[in-house]
């Protein structure tokens, strides 16, 4: 099993290598791949040193699986070239997510859609992954009519330069500003670029990807995505209007029984999900479960996950694991 990690020197690429190692992914040959400026650099995987290679050399090596985290432009150019030589690509960018010919996969929800013919598979947006993992059991039991979500997203979602900006500002140092405003001691209601509608691309990703993953275009989703000066993960306030009524006891049970979900819902003892505690964990944490008393059949919940792990690297590796386990590569 020959595996390429494209974007291996970046924040998410490094996390992918970490997750592959932790989960003992059954690779026999690792190909760390990055842009030309990083070719020749060294990375360490399971105590062994590897030299970073360029894209063309990686394609020529014909890996079985290539896990991409190198940006949409790179993916649009290179993922088809890998696919042409028989490589199955799991892509973490937004490039292929809404392509009707490509599968958008959260393994716990819809890995069953994958076939051997799927050579480019899309990894969903980080904020979408954690939300749909909490929504899926509710959809199966009650049906979902509408979702209103506000996100509180870590600077790690932007990358290393954003983390440097945050800590540089905190330490009073000159910084290379990634955001249009300071991020330390601040909140920016602005992730990705604004569209003519007034929504951002990040907000529309959550709208469109949710319906595609849950396989129900009738679900109405509206989102406000917000950048906050945290590190451990993304948090979301999710208001869900269900098609049928529910009890909180059954909701807790359904979520507790969902693979990859951990319920932390004991507010009287100050137990609720926080990014500080989600950091470096693969689960999605759900709490603050309560009925919305302003309208029927509506639930409020608070959803937290490490955006670099389940929101990116872990989900991609889980897709690769599913492909191997089911003989699809």
C-alpha atoms as a PDB file:
ATOM      1  CA  UNK A   1       0.000   0.000   0.000  1.00  0.00           C
ATOM      2  CA  UNK A   2       1.782   3.073  -1.342  1.00  0.00           C
ATOM      3  CA  UNK A   3       0.378   6.316   0.107  1.00  0.00           C
ATOM      4  CA  UNK A   4       1.157   9.901  -0.916  1.00  0.00           C
ATOM      5  CA  UNK A   5       0.410  12.818   1.415  1.00  0.00           C
ATOM      6  CA  UNK A   6       0.193  15.932  -0.747  1.00  0.00           C
ATOM      7  CA  UNK A   7       0.846  19.107   1.221  1.00  0.00           C
ATOM      8  CA  UNK A   8       2.875  17.123   3.743  1.00  0.00           C
ATOM      9  CA  UNK A   9       4.704  20.157   5.152  1.00  0.00           C
ATOM     10  CA  UNK A  10       1.559  22.188   5.901  1.00  0.00           C
ATOM     11  CA  UNK A  11      -0.505  22.362   9.082  1.00  0.00           C
ATOM     12  CA  UNK A  12      -3.128  19.828   7.946  1.00  0.00           C
ATOM     13  CA  UNK A  13      -0.630  17.700   6.018  1.00  0.00           C
ATOM     14  CA  UNK A  14       1.513  17.333   9.132  1.00  0.00           C
ATOM     15  CA  UNK A  15      -1.587  16.335  11.068  1.00  0.00           C
ATOM     16  CA  UNK A  16      -2.427  13.741   8.404  1.00  0.00           C
ATOM     17  CA  UNK A  17       0.982  12.148   8.880  1.00  0.00           C
ATOM     18  CA  UNK A  18       0.427  12.140  12.643  1.00  0.00           C
ATOM     19  CA  UNK A  19      -2.998  10.511  12.298  1.00  0.00           C
ATOM     20  CA  UNK A  20      -1.745   7.895   9.812  1.00  0.00           C
ATOM     21  CA  UNK A  21       0.944   6.971  12.326  1.00  0.00           C
ATOM     22  CA  UNK A  22      -1.359   6.924  15.362  1.00  0.00           C
ATOM     23  CA  UNK A  23      -3.929   4.735  13.615  1.00  0.00           C
ATOM     24  CA  UNK A  24      -1.261   2.390  12.208  1.00  0.00           C
ATOM     25  CA  UNK A  25      -2.544   2.819   8.681  1.00  0.00           C
ATOM     26  CA  UNK A  26      -1.317  -0.197   6.676  1.00  0.00           C
ATOM     27  CA  UNK A  27       1.016   1.631   4.309  1.00  0.00           C
ATOM     28  CA  UNK A  28       4.195   0.005   3.055  1.00  0.00           C
ATOM     29  CA  UNK A  29       5.604   3.071   1.310  1.00  0.00           C
ATOM     30  CA  UNK A  30       5.111   6.747   2.189  1.00  0.00           C
ATOM     31  CA  UNK A  31       5.469   9.533  -0.367  1.00  0.00           C
ATOM     32  CA  UNK A  32       5.505  12.989   1.266  1.00  0.00           C
ATOM     33  CA  UNK A  33       4.676  15.536  -1.444  1.00  0.00           C
ATOM     34  CA  UNK A  34       4.708  19.338  -1.464  1.00  0.00           C
ATOM     35  CA  UNK A  35       5.294  22.364  -3.669  1.00  0.00           C
ATOM     36  CA  UNK A  36       8.620  22.906  -5.409  1.00  0.00           C
ATOM     37  CA  UNK A  37       9.873  25.226  -2.685  1.00  0.00           C
ATOM     38  CA  UNK A  38       9.597  22.377  -0.151  1.00  0.00           C
ATOM     39  CA  UNK A  39      11.114  19.621  -2.330  1.00  0.00           C
ATOM     40  CA  UNK A  40      14.128  18.100  -0.612  1.00  0.00           C
ATOM     41  CA  UNK A  41      13.010  19.044   2.885  1.00  0.00           C
ATOM     42  CA  UNK A  42      12.881  16.210   5.368  1.00  0.00           C
ATOM     43  CA  UNK A  43       9.936  14.961   7.409  1.00  0.00           C
ATOM     44  CA  UNK A  44       9.846  12.181   9.990  1.00  0.00           C
ATOM     45  CA  UNK A  45       7.280   9.398  10.027  1.00  0.00           C
ATOM     46  CA  UNK A  46       7.410   6.613  12.619  1.00  0.00           C
ATOM     47  CA  UNK A  47      11.044   7.358  13.387  1.00  0.00           C
ATOM     48  CA  UNK A  48      12.158   7.267   9.761  1.00  0.00           C
ATOM     49  CA  UNK A  49      13.244  10.279   7.736  1.00  0.00           C
ATOM     50  CA  UNK A  50      11.755  10.937   4.296  1.00  0.00           C
ATOM     51  CA  UNK A  51      12.609  13.560   1.699  1.00  0.00           C
ATOM     52  CA  UNK A  52       9.739  15.613   0.308  1.00  0.00           C
ATOM     53  CA  UNK A  53       9.150  15.073  -3.423  1.00  0.00           C
ATOM     54  CA  UNK A  54       7.441  17.120  -6.100  1.00  0.00           C
ATOM     55  CA  UNK A  55       4.081  16.488  -7.743  1.00  0.00           C
ATOM     56  CA  UNK A  56       5.320  15.040 -11.033  1.00  0.00           C
ATOM     57  CA  UNK A  57       7.556  12.518  -9.294  1.00  0.00           C
ATOM     58  CA  UNK A  58       4.696  11.490  -7.021  1.00  0.00           C
ATOM     59  CA  UNK A  59       2.371  10.887  -9.982  1.00  0.00           C
ATOM     60  CA  UNK A  60       5.101   8.839 -11.688  1.00  0.00           C
ATOM     61  CA  UNK A  61       5.363   6.689  -8.538  1.00  0.00           C
ATOM     62  CA  UNK A  62       1.671   5.680  -8.967  1.00  0.00           C
ATOM     63  CA  UNK A  63       0.608   5.570  -5.310  1.00  0.00           C
ATOM     64  CA  UNK A  64      -2.469   3.536  -4.375  1.00  0.00           C
ATOM     65  CA  UNK A  65      -3.907   6.444  -2.378  1.00  0.00           C
ATOM     66  CA  UNK A  66      -3.068  10.158  -2.363  1.00  0.00           C
ATOM     67  CA  UNK A  67      -4.413  12.258   0.509  1.00  0.00           C
ATOM     68  CA  UNK A  68      -4.447  15.912  -0.535  1.00  0.00           C
ATOM     69  CA  UNK A  69      -4.285  18.999   1.625  1.00  0.00           C
ATOM     70  CA  UNK A  70      -2.693  21.512  -0.679  1.00  0.00           C
ATOM     71  CA  UNK A  71      -5.427  23.967  -1.642  1.00  0.00           C
ATOM     72  CA  UNK A  72      -8.155  23.986  -4.262  1.00  0.00           C
ATOM     73  CA  UNK A  73      -6.046  25.172  -7.196  1.00  0.00           C
ATOM     74  CA  UNK A  74      -3.449  22.482  -6.643  1.00  0.00           C
ATOM     75  CA  UNK A  75      -6.137  19.848  -6.315  1.00  0.00           C
ATOM     76  CA  UNK A  76      -7.927  20.905  -9.495  1.00  0.00           C
ATOM     77  CA  UNK A  77      -4.650  20.659 -11.418  1.00  0.00           C
ATOM     78  CA  UNK A  78      -3.120  17.534  -9.911  1.00  0.00           C
ATOM     79  CA  UNK A  79      -5.870  15.284  -8.538  1.00  0.00           C
ATOM     80  CA  UNK A  80      -6.976  14.274 -12.085  1.00  0.00           C
ATOM     81  CA  UNK A  81      -3.349  13.462 -12.977  1.00  0.00           C
ATOM     82  CA  UNK A  82      -3.105  11.095 -10.010  1.00  0.00           C
ATOM     83  CA  UNK A  83      -6.491   9.611 -10.880  1.00  0.00           C
ATOM     84  CA  UNK A  84      -5.364   8.980 -14.475  1.00  0.00           C
ATOM     85  CA  UNK A  85      -2.592   6.644 -13.264  1.00  0.00           C
ATOM     86  CA  UNK A  86      -5.004   4.702 -11.049  1.00  0.00           C
ATOM     87  CA  UNK A  87      -4.482   6.513  -7.734  1.00  0.00           C
ATOM     88  CA  UNK A  88      -7.500   7.097  -5.507  1.00  0.00           C
ATOM     89  CA  UNK A  89      -7.404  10.702  -4.283  1.00  0.00           C
ATOM     90  CA  UNK A  90      -8.960  11.832  -0.998  1.00  0.00           C
ATOM     91  CA  UNK A  91      -9.037  15.612  -1.280  1.00  0.00           C
ATOM     92  CA  UNK A  92      -9.348  17.976   1.662  1.00  0.00           C
ATOM     93  CA  UNK A  93      -9.895  21.169  -0.375  1.00  0.00           C
ATOM     94  CA  UNK A  94     -13.199  22.645  -1.530  1.00  0.00           C
ATOM     95  CA  UNK A  95     -12.361  21.906  -5.176  1.00  0.00           C
ATOM     96  CA  UNK A  96     -14.513  18.799  -5.697  1.00  0.00           C
ATOM     97  CA  UNK A  97     -17.067  18.891  -2.878  1.00  0.00           C
ATOM     98  CA  UNK A  98     -20.055  20.088  -4.855  1.00  0.00           C
ATOM     99  CA  UNK A  99     -19.106  18.390  -8.111  1.00  0.00           C
ATOM    100  CA  UNK A 100     -22.109  16.128  -8.787  1.00  0.00           C
ATOM    101  CA  UNK A 101     -19.788  13.417 -10.121  1.00  0.00           C
ATOM    102  CA  UNK A 102     -17.739  13.282  -6.892  1.00  0.00           C
ATOM    103  CA  UNK A 103     -18.670  11.749  -3.531  1.00  0.00           C
ATOM    104  CA  UNK A 104     -18.549  13.925  -0.392  1.00  0.00           C
ATOM    105  CA  UNK A 105     -17.958  11.601   2.535  1.00  0.00           C
ATOM    106  CA  UNK A 106     -18.115  11.458   6.314  1.00  0.00           C
ATOM    107  CA  UNK A 107     -17.450   7.731   6.843  1.00  0.00           C
ATOM    108  CA  UNK A 108     -19.786   7.289   9.824  1.00  0.00           C
ATOM    109  CA  UNK A 109     -22.660   8.686   7.739  1.00  0.00           C
ATOM    110  CA  UNK A 110     -22.303   7.855   4.055  1.00  0.00           C
ATOM    111  CA  UNK A 111     -19.208   5.781   3.244  1.00  0.00           C
ATOM    112  CA  UNK A 112     -21.595   3.296   1.628  1.00  0.00           C
ATOM    113  CA  UNK A 113     -21.720   5.555  -1.463  1.00  0.00           C
ATOM    114  CA  UNK A 114     -18.079   4.761  -2.311  1.00  0.00           C
ATOM    115  CA  UNK A 115     -17.133   2.399  -5.131  1.00  0.00           C
ATOM    116  CA  UNK A 116     -13.912   1.264  -6.784  1.00  0.00           C
ATOM    117  CA  UNK A 117     -14.672   3.669  -9.630  1.00  0.00           C
ATOM    118  CA  UNK A 118     -14.439   6.735  -7.336  1.00  0.00           C
ATOM    119  CA  UNK A 119     -10.949   8.047  -8.027  1.00  0.00           C
ATOM    120  CA  UNK A 120     -11.422  11.537  -6.556  1.00  0.00           C
ATOM    121  CA  UNK A 121     -13.264  11.631  -3.218  1.00  0.00           C
ATOM    122  CA  UNK A 122     -13.991  14.898  -1.426  1.00  0.00           C
ATOM    123  CA  UNK A 123     -13.385  15.480   2.273  1.00  0.00           C
ATOM    124  CA  UNK A 124     -16.028  17.940   3.576  1.00  0.00           C
ATOM    125  CA  UNK A 125     -15.443  21.323   5.155  1.00  0.00           C
ATOM    126  CA  UNK A 126     -14.273  21.101   8.770  1.00  0.00           C
ATOM    127  CA  UNK A 127     -17.262  22.934  10.223  1.00  0.00           C
ATOM    128  CA  UNK A 128     -19.674  20.826   8.182  1.00  0.00           C
ATOM    129  CA  UNK A 129     -18.166  17.499   9.288  1.00  0.00           C
ATOM    130  CA  UNK A 130     -18.718  18.039  12.999  1.00  0.00           C
ATOM    131  CA  UNK A 131     -22.228  19.401  12.514  1.00  0.00           C
ATOM    132  CA  UNK A 132     -23.507  16.608  10.267  1.00  0.00           C
ATOM    133  CA  UNK A 133     -22.092  13.953  12.574  1.00  0.00           C
ATOM    134  CA  UNK A 134     -24.377  15.343  15.294  1.00  0.00           C
ATOM    135  CA  UNK A 135     -27.294  15.847  12.884  1.00  0.00           C
ATOM    136  CA  UNK A 136     -27.263  12.429  11.203  1.00  0.00           C
ATOM    137  CA  UNK A 137     -28.843  10.384  14.040  1.00  0.00           C
ATOM    138  CA  UNK A 138     -31.505  13.079  14.489  1.00  0.00           C
ATOM    139  CA  UNK A 139     -32.267  13.017  10.782  1.00  0.00           C
ATOM    140  CA  UNK A 140     -32.661   9.229  10.797  1.00  0.00           C
ATOM    141  CA  UNK A 141     -35.012   9.251  13.789  1.00  0.00           C
ATOM    142  CA  UNK A 142     -37.046  12.442  13.391  1.00  0.00           C
ATOM    143  CA  UNK A 143     -36.272  14.030  10.023  1.00  0.00           C
ATOM    144  CA  UNK A 144     -34.809  17.541   9.763  1.00  0.00           C
ATOM    145  CA  UNK A 145     -36.585  20.585   8.351  1.00  0.00           C
ATOM    146  CA  UNK A 146     -34.235  23.468   9.129  1.00  0.00           C
ATOM    147  CA  UNK A 147     -30.835  24.160  10.675  1.00  0.00           C
ATOM    148  CA  UNK A 148     -29.578  27.516  11.965  1.00  0.00           C
ATOM    149  CA  UNK A 149     -25.871  27.393  12.824  1.00  0.00           C
ATOM    150  CA  UNK A 150     -23.372  29.926  14.113  1.00  0.00           C
ATOM    151  CA  UNK A 151     -19.757  28.777  14.189  1.00  0.00           C
ATOM    152  CA  UNK A 152     -16.863  29.868  16.393  1.00  0.00           C
ATOM    153  CA  UNK A 153     -13.866  28.730  14.380  1.00  0.00           C
ATOM    154  CA  UNK A 154     -10.251  28.407  15.486  1.00  0.00           C
ATOM    155  CA  UNK A 155      -7.442  30.303  13.780  1.00  0.00           C
ATOM    156  CA  UNK A 156      -5.886  26.916  13.000  1.00  0.00           C
ATOM    157  CA  UNK A 157      -8.512  26.616  10.282  1.00  0.00           C
ATOM    158  CA  UNK A 158      -6.706  29.362   8.367  1.00  0.00           C
ATOM    159  CA  UNK A 159      -3.237  27.859   8.789  1.00  0.00           C
ATOM    160  CA  UNK A 160       0.123  28.471  10.407  1.00  0.00           C
ATOM    161  CA  UNK A 161       0.340  32.150   9.427  1.00  0.00           C
ATOM    162  CA  UNK A 162      -2.938  32.812  11.249  1.00  0.00           C
ATOM    163  CA  UNK A 163      -1.649  31.087  14.386  1.00  0.00           C
ATOM    164  CA  UNK A 164       1.496  33.217  14.116  1.00  0.00           C
ATOM    165  CA  UNK A 165      -0.637  36.353  13.798  1.00  0.00           C
ATOM    166  CA  UNK A 166      -2.614  35.489  16.928  1.00  0.00           C
ATOM    167  CA  UNK A 167       0.417  34.802  19.116  1.00  0.00           C
ATOM    168  CA  UNK A 168       2.416  37.657  17.625  1.00  0.00           C
ATOM    169  CA  UNK A 169      -0.367  40.080  18.526  1.00  0.00           C
ATOM    170  CA  UNK A 170      -0.651  38.539  21.977  1.00  0.00           C
ATOM    171  CA  UNK A 171       3.068  39.063  22.552  1.00  0.00           C
ATOM    172  CA  UNK A 172       3.049  42.575  21.086  1.00  0.00           C
ATOM    173  CA  UNK A 173       5.316  41.679  18.173  1.00  0.00           C
ATOM    174  CA  UNK A 174       5.086  42.893  14.564  1.00  0.00           C
ATOM    175  CA  UNK A 175       2.995  40.385  12.613  1.00  0.00           C
ATOM    176  CA  UNK A 176       2.322  39.349   9.050  1.00  0.00           C
ATOM    177  CA  UNK A 177      -1.430  39.923   9.084  1.00  0.00           C
ATOM    178  CA  UNK A 178      -3.538  37.183   7.486  1.00  0.00           C
ATOM    179  CA  UNK A 179      -6.865  38.638   8.608  1.00  0.00           C
ATOM    180  CA  UNK A 180      -8.121  42.132   7.740  1.00  0.00           C
ATOM    181  CA  UNK A 181      -8.260  43.001  11.462  1.00  0.00           C
ATOM    182  CA  UNK A 182      -6.496  41.953  14.667  1.00  0.00           C
ATOM    183  CA  UNK A 183      -7.643  38.521  15.886  1.00  0.00           C
ATOM    184  CA  UNK A 184      -6.333  38.528  19.479  1.00  0.00           C
ATOM    185  CA  UNK A 185      -9.045  39.762  21.878  1.00  0.00           C
ATOM    186  CA  UNK A 186     -11.327  40.040  18.861  1.00  0.00           C
ATOM    187  CA  UNK A 187     -13.942  38.123  16.855  1.00  0.00           C
ATOM    188  CA  UNK A 188     -14.336  38.351  13.077  1.00  0.00           C
ATOM    189  CA  UNK A 189     -17.747  37.506  11.534  1.00  0.00           C
ATOM    190  CA  UNK A 190     -15.900  36.767   8.321  1.00  0.00           C
ATOM    191  CA  UNK A 191     -14.532  33.437   7.047  1.00  0.00           C
ATOM    192  CA  UNK A 192     -13.606  33.163   3.364  1.00  0.00           C
ATOM    193  CA  UNK A 193     -14.751  35.788   0.855  1.00  0.00           C
ATOM    194  CA  UNK A 194     -18.123  37.525   0.747  1.00  0.00           C
ATOM    195  CA  UNK A 195     -20.622  36.759  -2.009  1.00  0.00           C
ATOM    196  CA  UNK A 196     -23.146  39.131  -3.572  1.00  0.00           C
ATOM    197  CA  UNK A 197     -25.791  37.686  -1.248  1.00  0.00           C
ATOM    198  CA  UNK A 198     -23.937  38.937   1.834  1.00  0.00           C
ATOM    199  CA  UNK A 199     -23.075  35.379   2.861  1.00  0.00           C
ATOM    200  CA  UNK A 200     -19.498  34.088   2.766  1.00  0.00           C
ATOM    201  CA  UNK A 201     -18.246  31.094   0.823  1.00  0.00           C
ATOM    202  CA  UNK A 202     -17.676  29.278   4.139  1.00  0.00           C
ATOM    203  CA  UNK A 203     -21.315  29.780   5.090  1.00  0.00           C
ATOM    204  CA  UNK A 204     -22.529  28.456   1.754  1.00  0.00           C
ATOM    205  CA  UNK A 205     -20.235  25.440   2.061  1.00  0.00           C
ATOM    206  CA  UNK A 206     -22.120  24.471   5.213  1.00  0.00           C
ATOM    207  CA  UNK A 207     -25.466  24.986   3.468  1.00  0.00           C
ATOM    208  CA  UNK A 208     -24.682  22.942   0.382  1.00  0.00           C
ATOM    209  CA  UNK A 209     -22.460  20.241   1.878  1.00  0.00           C
ATOM    210  CA  UNK A 210     -24.948  19.410   4.641  1.00  0.00           C
ATOM    211  CA  UNK A 211     -27.674  18.557   2.136  1.00  0.00           C
ATOM    212  CA  UNK A 212     -25.297  16.520  -0.017  1.00  0.00           C
ATOM    213  CA  UNK A 213     -23.881  14.440   2.851  1.00  0.00           C
ATOM    214  CA  UNK A 214     -27.287  13.831   4.464  1.00  0.00           C
ATOM    215  CA  UNK A 215     -28.758  13.115   1.011  1.00  0.00           C
ATOM    216  CA  UNK A 216     -31.709  15.455   1.494  1.00  0.00           C
ATOM    217  CA  UNK A 217     -31.953  18.679  -0.509  1.00  0.00           C
ATOM    218  CA  UNK A 218     -35.112  19.692   1.347  1.00  0.00           C
ATOM    219  CA  UNK A 219     -33.184  20.535   4.540  1.00  0.00           C
ATOM    220  CA  UNK A 220     -32.983  24.329   4.889  1.00  0.00           C
ATOM    221  CA  UNK A 221     -29.672  25.492   6.334  1.00  0.00           C
ATOM    222  CA  UNK A 222     -28.570  29.020   7.207  1.00  0.00           C
ATOM    223  CA  UNK A 223     -25.127  29.742   8.644  1.00  0.00           C
ATOM    224  CA  UNK A 224     -23.031  32.525  10.149  1.00  0.00           C
ATOM    225  CA  UNK A 225     -19.351  31.620  10.374  1.00  0.00           C
ATOM    226  CA  UNK A 226     -17.114  33.442  12.846  1.00  0.00           C
ATOM    227  CA  UNK A 227     -13.364  33.399  13.475  1.00  0.00           C
ATOM    228  CA  UNK A 228     -12.313  33.414  17.132  1.00  0.00           C
ATOM    229  CA  UNK A 229      -8.871  33.496  18.829  1.00  0.00           C
ATOM    230  CA  UNK A 230      -8.843  29.860  19.937  1.00  0.00           C
ATOM    231  CA  UNK A 231      -6.576  26.929  19.048  1.00  0.00           C
ATOM    232  CA  UNK A 232      -8.116  23.610  20.086  1.00  0.00           C
ATOM    233  CA  UNK A 233     -10.992  23.344  17.631  1.00  0.00           C
ATOM    234  CA  UNK A 234     -14.190  24.737  16.183  1.00  0.00           C
ATOM    235  CA  UNK A 235     -17.391  25.285  18.187  1.00  0.00           C
ATOM    236  CA  UNK A 236     -20.931  25.595  16.832  1.00  0.00           C
ATOM    237  CA  UNK A 237     -24.280  26.720  18.156  1.00  0.00           C
ATOM    238  CA  UNK A 238     -26.794  24.584  16.243  1.00  0.00           C
ATOM    239  CA  UNK A 239     -30.575  25.087  16.259  1.00  0.00           C
ATOM    240  CA  UNK A 240     -32.403  22.189  14.577  1.00  0.00           C
ATOM    241  CA  UNK A 241     -36.072  22.104  13.635  1.00  0.00           C
ATOM    242  CA  UNK A 242     -37.087  18.451  13.435  1.00  0.00           C
ATOM    243  CA  UNK A 243     -39.987  16.997  11.479  1.00  0.00           C
ATOM    244  CA  UNK A 244     -41.251  15.086  14.536  1.00  0.00           C
ATOM    245  CA  UNK A 245     -41.269  15.826  18.245  1.00  0.00           C
ATOM    246  CA  UNK A 246     -38.569  14.429  20.527  1.00  0.00           C
ATOM    247  CA  UNK A 247     -37.595  13.946  24.129  1.00  0.00           C
ATOM    248  CA  UNK A 248     -34.236  15.153  25.378  1.00  0.00           C
ATOM    249  CA  UNK A 249     -33.658  11.736  26.934  1.00  0.00           C
ATOM    250  CA  UNK A 250     -33.990  10.039  23.555  1.00  0.00           C
ATOM    251  CA  UNK A 251     -31.813  12.670  21.852  1.00  0.00           C
ATOM    252  CA  UNK A 252     -29.062  12.074  24.408  1.00  0.00           C
ATOM    253  CA  UNK A 253     -29.351   8.325  23.873  1.00  0.00           C
ATOM    254  CA  UNK A 254     -29.238   8.609  20.079  1.00  0.00           C
ATOM    255  CA  UNK A 255     -26.181  10.859  20.167  1.00  0.00           C
ATOM    256  CA  UNK A 256     -24.445   8.693  22.779  1.00  0.00           C
ATOM    257  CA  UNK A 257     -24.909   5.647  20.548  1.00  0.00           C
ATOM    258  CA  UNK A 258     -23.509   7.393  17.455  1.00  0.00           C
ATOM    259  CA  UNK A 259     -19.948   6.325  16.557  1.00  0.00           C
ATOM    260  CA  UNK A 260     -17.583   9.284  16.812  1.00  0.00           C
ATOM    261  CA  UNK A 261     -19.885  11.365  19.037  1.00  0.00           C
ATOM    262  CA  UNK A 262     -19.390  12.010  22.763  1.00  0.00           C
ATOM    263  CA  UNK A 263     -22.156  13.651  24.792  1.00  0.00           C
ATOM    264  CA  UNK A 264     -20.940  16.121  27.442  1.00  0.00           C
ATOM    265  CA  UNK A 265     -24.146  17.537  28.822  1.00  0.00           C
ATOM    266  CA  UNK A 266     -24.173  18.213  32.555  1.00  0.00           C
ATOM    267  CA  UNK A 267     -24.443  22.014  32.793  1.00  0.00           C
ATOM    268  CA  UNK A 268     -25.230  21.944  36.523  1.00  0.00           C
ATOM    269  CA  UNK A 269     -21.681  20.694  37.025  1.00  0.00           C
ATOM    270  CA  UNK A 270     -20.220  22.936  34.301  1.00  0.00           C
ATOM    271  CA  UNK A 271     -19.779  20.002  31.906  1.00  0.00           C
ATOM    272  CA  UNK A 272     -20.125  21.009  28.256  1.00  0.00           C
ATOM    273  CA  UNK A 273     -17.907  20.779  25.179  1.00  0.00           C
ATOM    274  CA  UNK A 274     -14.989  23.197  24.850  1.00  0.00           C
ATOM    275  CA  UNK A 275     -12.213  23.432  22.244  1.00  0.00           C
ATOM    276  CA  UNK A 276      -9.625  23.284  25.023  1.00  0.00           C
ATOM    277  CA  UNK A 277     -10.762  19.732  25.798  1.00  0.00           C
ATOM    278  CA  UNK A 278     -11.417  18.683  22.192  1.00  0.00           C
ATOM    279  CA  UNK A 279      -7.833  19.458  21.152  1.00  0.00           C
ATOM    280  CA  UNK A 280      -6.016  16.416  19.700  1.00  0.00           C
ATOM    281  CA  UNK A 281      -9.128  14.234  19.960  1.00  0.00           C
ATOM    282  CA  UNK A 282     -10.975  12.609  17.066  1.00  0.00           C
ATOM    283  CA  UNK A 283     -14.484  12.666  18.517  1.00  0.00           C
ATOM    284  CA  UNK A 284     -17.206  15.258  18.026  1.00  0.00           C
ATOM    285  CA  UNK A 285     -18.453  16.534  21.388  1.00  0.00           C
ATOM    286  CA  UNK A 286     -22.088  17.568  21.867  1.00  0.00           C
ATOM    287  CA  UNK A 287     -23.718  19.313  24.829  1.00  0.00           C
ATOM    288  CA  UNK A 288     -25.999  22.156  26.010  1.00  0.00           C
ATOM    289  CA  UNK A 289     -28.910  20.037  24.747  1.00  0.00           C
ATOM    290  CA  UNK A 290     -32.161  21.882  25.323  1.00  0.00           C
ATOM    291  CA  UNK A 291     -35.518  22.433  23.738  1.00  0.00           C
ATOM    292  CA  UNK A 292     -36.111  25.652  21.816  1.00  0.00           C
ATOM    293  CA  UNK A 293     -39.337  26.798  23.483  1.00  0.00           C
ATOM    294  CA  UNK A 294     -40.108  29.395  20.787  1.00  0.00           C
ATOM    295  CA  UNK A 295     -41.364  26.853  18.248  1.00  0.00           C
ATOM    296  CA  UNK A 296     -42.338  23.169  18.060  1.00  0.00           C
ATOM    297  CA  UNK A 297     -39.964  20.225  17.537  1.00  0.00           C
ATOM    298  CA  UNK A 298     -36.809  22.333  17.792  1.00  0.00           C
ATOM    299  CA  UNK A 299     -33.557  21.521  19.573  1.00  0.00           C
ATOM    300  CA  UNK A 300     -30.538  23.621  20.560  1.00  0.00           C
ATOM    301  CA  UNK A 301     -27.120  22.015  20.887  1.00  0.00           C
ATOM    302  CA  UNK A 302     -23.460  22.986  21.145  1.00  0.00           C
ATOM    303  CA  UNK A 303     -21.025  21.016  18.967  1.00  0.00           C
ATOM    304  CA  UNK A 304     -17.209  21.060  19.291  1.00  0.00           C
ATOM    305  CA  UNK A 305     -14.423  19.192  17.480  1.00  0.00           C
ATOM    306  CA  UNK A 306     -10.733  19.507  16.690  1.00  0.00           C
ATOM    307  CA  UNK A 307     -10.866  20.987  13.195  1.00  0.00           C
ATOM    308  CA  UNK A 308      -7.430  19.700  12.199  1.00  0.00           C
ATOM    309  CA  UNK A 309      -8.325  16.145  13.205  1.00  0.00           C
ATOM    310  CA  UNK A 310     -11.949  15.059  12.655  1.00  0.00           C
ATOM    311  CA  UNK A 311     -12.518  18.260  10.706  1.00  0.00           C
ATOM    312  CA  UNK A 312      -9.729  17.422   8.252  1.00  0.00           C
ATOM    313  CA  UNK A 313      -6.961  14.841   8.753  1.00  0.00           C
ATOM    314  CA  UNK A 314      -8.803  12.136  10.672  1.00  0.00           C
ATOM    315  CA  UNK A 315     -11.843  12.171   8.400  1.00  0.00           C
ATOM    316  CA  UNK A 316      -9.583  11.856   5.332  1.00  0.00           C
ATOM    317  CA  UNK A 317      -7.652   8.973   6.872  1.00  0.00           C
ATOM    318  CA  UNK A 318     -10.913   7.268   7.866  1.00  0.00           C
ATOM    319  CA  UNK A 319     -12.021   7.465   4.221  1.00  0.00           C
ATOM    320  CA  UNK A 320      -8.719   5.852   3.196  1.00  0.00           C
ATOM    321  CA  UNK A 321      -9.201   3.156   5.849  1.00  0.00           C
ATOM    322  CA  UNK A 322     -12.681   2.396   4.507  1.00  0.00           C
ATOM    323  CA  UNK A 323     -11.298   2.069   0.972  1.00  0.00           C
ATOM    324  CA  UNK A 324      -8.663  -0.417   2.139  1.00  0.00           C
ATOM    325  CA  UNK A 325     -10.989  -2.407   4.393  1.00  0.00           C
ATOM    326  CA  UNK A 326     -13.574  -2.818   1.621  1.00  0.00           C
ATOM    327  CA  UNK A 327     -11.126  -3.588  -1.161  1.00  0.00           C
ATOM    328  CA  UNK A 328     -11.873  -0.413  -3.096  1.00  0.00           C
ATOM    329  CA  UNK A 329      -8.206   0.381  -3.833  1.00  0.00           C
END
